[in-house]
Amino acid sequence: MSRAILADTGPLFAAIDRHDRHHQRALSDSKRIARENWEVMVAYPILLETYSLLLYRLGREAAATFLGEALAAGTLINPSPEDYLAAAIKLAAFPDQSITLVDSTLAVLAVRLGVQVWTYDHHFDVMRAAVWR
């Protein structure tokens, strides 16, 4: 079985948007992921968030291409109701931070699955999630 990481929206979007400040980093990370045989899993909330971001910032074609590739990859993960509850509880532990429910859910899901999160968002460090670097 290959090693797995759970992707956040940031790297997925940055890999597509050549104007994103993390574009080169995302491309470099993508090459490393392929070279080191990491499996990239995408949680459904991340799929939805990335699609929406691409749709509104880069247009329908970019969003549709991403969606087709993500669905074809077959590594989509659905958080459980318990994951969402744990994410809401986790948010309450950081009232001074602007952490989204999507990010909190991803952090909880990563712990449950025992994988690292591929992200460029410092909030995952704040939540003490294992971050793939």
Protein backbone atom coordinates (compact mmCIF):
# COMPACT_ATOMS: atom_id res chain seq x y z
CA MET A 1 0.00 0.00 0.00
CA SER A 2 1.27 3.46 -0.81
CA ARG A 3 1.69 6.21 1.74
CA ALA A 4 -1.13 8.72 1.86
CA ILE A 5 -1.57 12.43 2.55
CA LEU A 6 -4.77 14.42 2.83
CA ALA A 7 -4.83 17.49 0.56
CA ASP A 8 -6.03 20.91 1.64
CA THR A 9 -7.53 23.40 -0.81
CA GLY A 10 -4.46 25.66 -0.90
CA PRO A 11 -2.05 23.32 -2.68
CA LEU A 12 -4.74 22.01 -5.04
CA PHE A 13 -5.71 25.52 -6.09
CA ALA A 14 -2.11 26.76 -6.25
CA ALA A 15 -1.11 23.90 -8.55
CA ILE A 16 -3.66 25.13 -11.09
CA ASP A 17 -3.48 28.93 -10.70
CA ARG A 18 -0.15 30.10 -12.13
CA HIS A 19 -0.68 33.48 -10.45
CA ASP A 20 -1.03 32.00 -6.96
CA ARG A 21 1.91 32.84 -4.68
CA HIS A 22 2.35 29.13 -3.91
CA HIS A 23 2.15 27.94 -7.53
CA GLN A 24 5.80 26.91 -7.91
CA ARG A 25 5.78 25.29 -4.47
CA ALA A 26 2.64 23.31 -5.37
CA LEU A 27 4.20 22.13 -8.63
CA SER A 28 7.38 21.12 -6.81
CA ASP A 29 5.36 19.33 -4.13
CA SER A 30 3.32 17.55 -6.80
CA LYS A 31 6.50 16.23 -8.42
CA ARG A 32 7.80 15.07 -5.05
CA ILE A 33 4.48 13.37 -4.27
CA ALA A 34 4.67 11.44 -7.54
CA ARG A 35 8.37 10.62 -7.11
CA GLU A 36 7.89 9.37 -3.54
CA ASN A 37 4.68 7.49 -4.40
CA TRP A 38 2.36 9.33 -2.01
CA GLU A 39 -1.36 8.80 -2.47
CA VAL A 40 -3.21 12.12 -2.37
CA MET A 41 -6.63 11.82 -0.73
CA VAL A 42 -9.20 14.59 -1.06
CA ALA A 43 -12.01 14.99 1.46
CA TYR A 44 -15.35 15.95 -0.03
CA PRO A 45 -15.41 19.35 1.74
CA ILE A 46 -12.05 20.13 0.11
CA LEU A 47 -13.36 18.99 -3.27
CA LEU A 48 -16.31 21.36 -2.93
CA GLU A 49 -14.20 24.27 -1.64
CA THR A 50 -11.55 23.88 -4.35
CA TYR A 51 -14.14 23.56 -7.12
CA SER A 52 -15.92 26.72 -5.93
CA LEU A 53 -12.69 28.68 -5.62
CA LEU A 54 -11.61 27.65 -9.11
CA LEU A 55 -15.04 28.41 -10.56
CA TYR A 56 -15.17 31.94 -9.17
CA ARG A 57 -11.50 32.85 -9.68
CA LEU A 58 -10.47 30.97 -12.84
CA GLY A 59 -13.75 30.04 -14.50
CA ARG A 60 -15.90 27.08 -15.34
CA GLU A 61 -13.34 25.29 -17.51
CA ALA A 62 -10.65 25.22 -14.81
CA ALA A 63 -13.19 24.07 -12.22
CA ALA A 64 -14.58 21.37 -14.49
CA THR A 65 -11.11 20.07 -15.36
CA PHE A 66 -10.19 19.87 -11.67
CA LEU A 67 -13.45 18.09 -10.83
CA GLY A 68 -13.00 15.54 -13.61
CA GLU A 69 -9.44 14.77 -12.53
CA ALA A 70 -10.38 14.53 -8.85
CA LEU A 71 -13.28 12.18 -9.54
CA ALA A 72 -11.15 10.03 -11.85
CA ALA A 73 -8.41 9.72 -9.23
CA GLY A 74 -10.84 7.88 -6.95
CA THR A 75 -9.23 8.95 -3.68
CA LEU A 76 -12.16 10.89 -2.24
CA ILE A 77 -12.88 10.61 1.48
CA ASN A 78 -16.18 11.41 3.14
CA PRO A 79 -15.98 12.73 6.71
CA SER A 80 -18.36 11.06 9.13
CA PRO A 81 -20.95 12.89 11.24
CA GLU A 82 -18.63 12.28 14.20
CA ASP A 83 -15.80 14.02 12.31
CA TYR A 84 -17.96 17.12 11.88
CA LEU A 85 -18.92 17.10 15.57
CA ALA A 86 -15.27 16.75 16.61
CA ALA A 87 -14.36 19.57 14.20
CA ALA A 88 -16.93 21.87 15.78
CA ILE A 89 -15.54 21.06 19.23
CA LYS A 90 -12.00 21.69 17.96
CA LEU A 91 -13.05 25.12 16.65
CA ALA A 92 -14.27 26.07 20.12
CA ALA A 93 -10.76 25.40 21.48
CA PHE A 94 -9.34 28.21 19.30
CA PRO A 95 -11.68 31.19 19.74
CA ASP A 96 -8.91 33.66 18.87
CA GLN A 97 -8.22 32.05 15.47
CA SER A 98 -10.04 32.35 12.13
CA ILE A 99 -10.11 28.61 11.47
CA THR A 100 -12.79 27.43 9.07
CA LEU A 101 -15.02 24.46 9.72
CA VAL A 102 -13.59 22.92 6.54
CA ASP A 103 -10.03 23.15 7.90
CA SER A 104 -11.04 21.88 11.32
CA THR A 105 -12.85 18.94 9.70
CA LEU A 106 -9.77 18.16 7.62
CA ALA A 107 -7.55 18.21 10.74
CA VAL A 108 -9.91 15.84 12.57
CA LEU A 109 -10.15 13.54 9.55
CA ALA A 110 -6.35 13.42 9.25
CA VAL A 111 -6.05 12.31 12.87
CA ARG A 112 -8.72 9.63 12.41
CA LEU A 113 -7.02 8.31 9.28
CA GLY A 114 -3.51 8.64 10.71
CA VAL A 115 -2.23 10.75 7.81
CA GLN A 116 -0.56 14.12 7.32
CA VAL A 117 -2.20 17.16 5.74
CA TRP A 118 -0.69 18.71 2.61
CA THR A 119 -1.35 22.38 3.29
CA TYR A 120 0.19 25.83 3.25
CA ASP A 121 -2.18 27.10 5.96
CA HIS A 122 -0.61 27.86 9.36
CA HIS A 123 -3.89 27.03 11.12
CA PHE A 124 -3.06 23.34 10.85
CA ASP A 125 0.04 23.96 12.96
CA VAL A 126 -2.14 25.86 15.44
CA MET A 127 -4.51 22.86 15.58
CA ARG A 128 -1.46 20.60 16.01
CA ALA A 129 -2.30 18.55 12.93
CA ALA A 130 0.50 16.57 11.32
CA VAL A 131 1.51 18.62 8.27
CA TRP A 132 3.27 17.06 5.26
CA ARG A 133 6.37 19.04 4.39
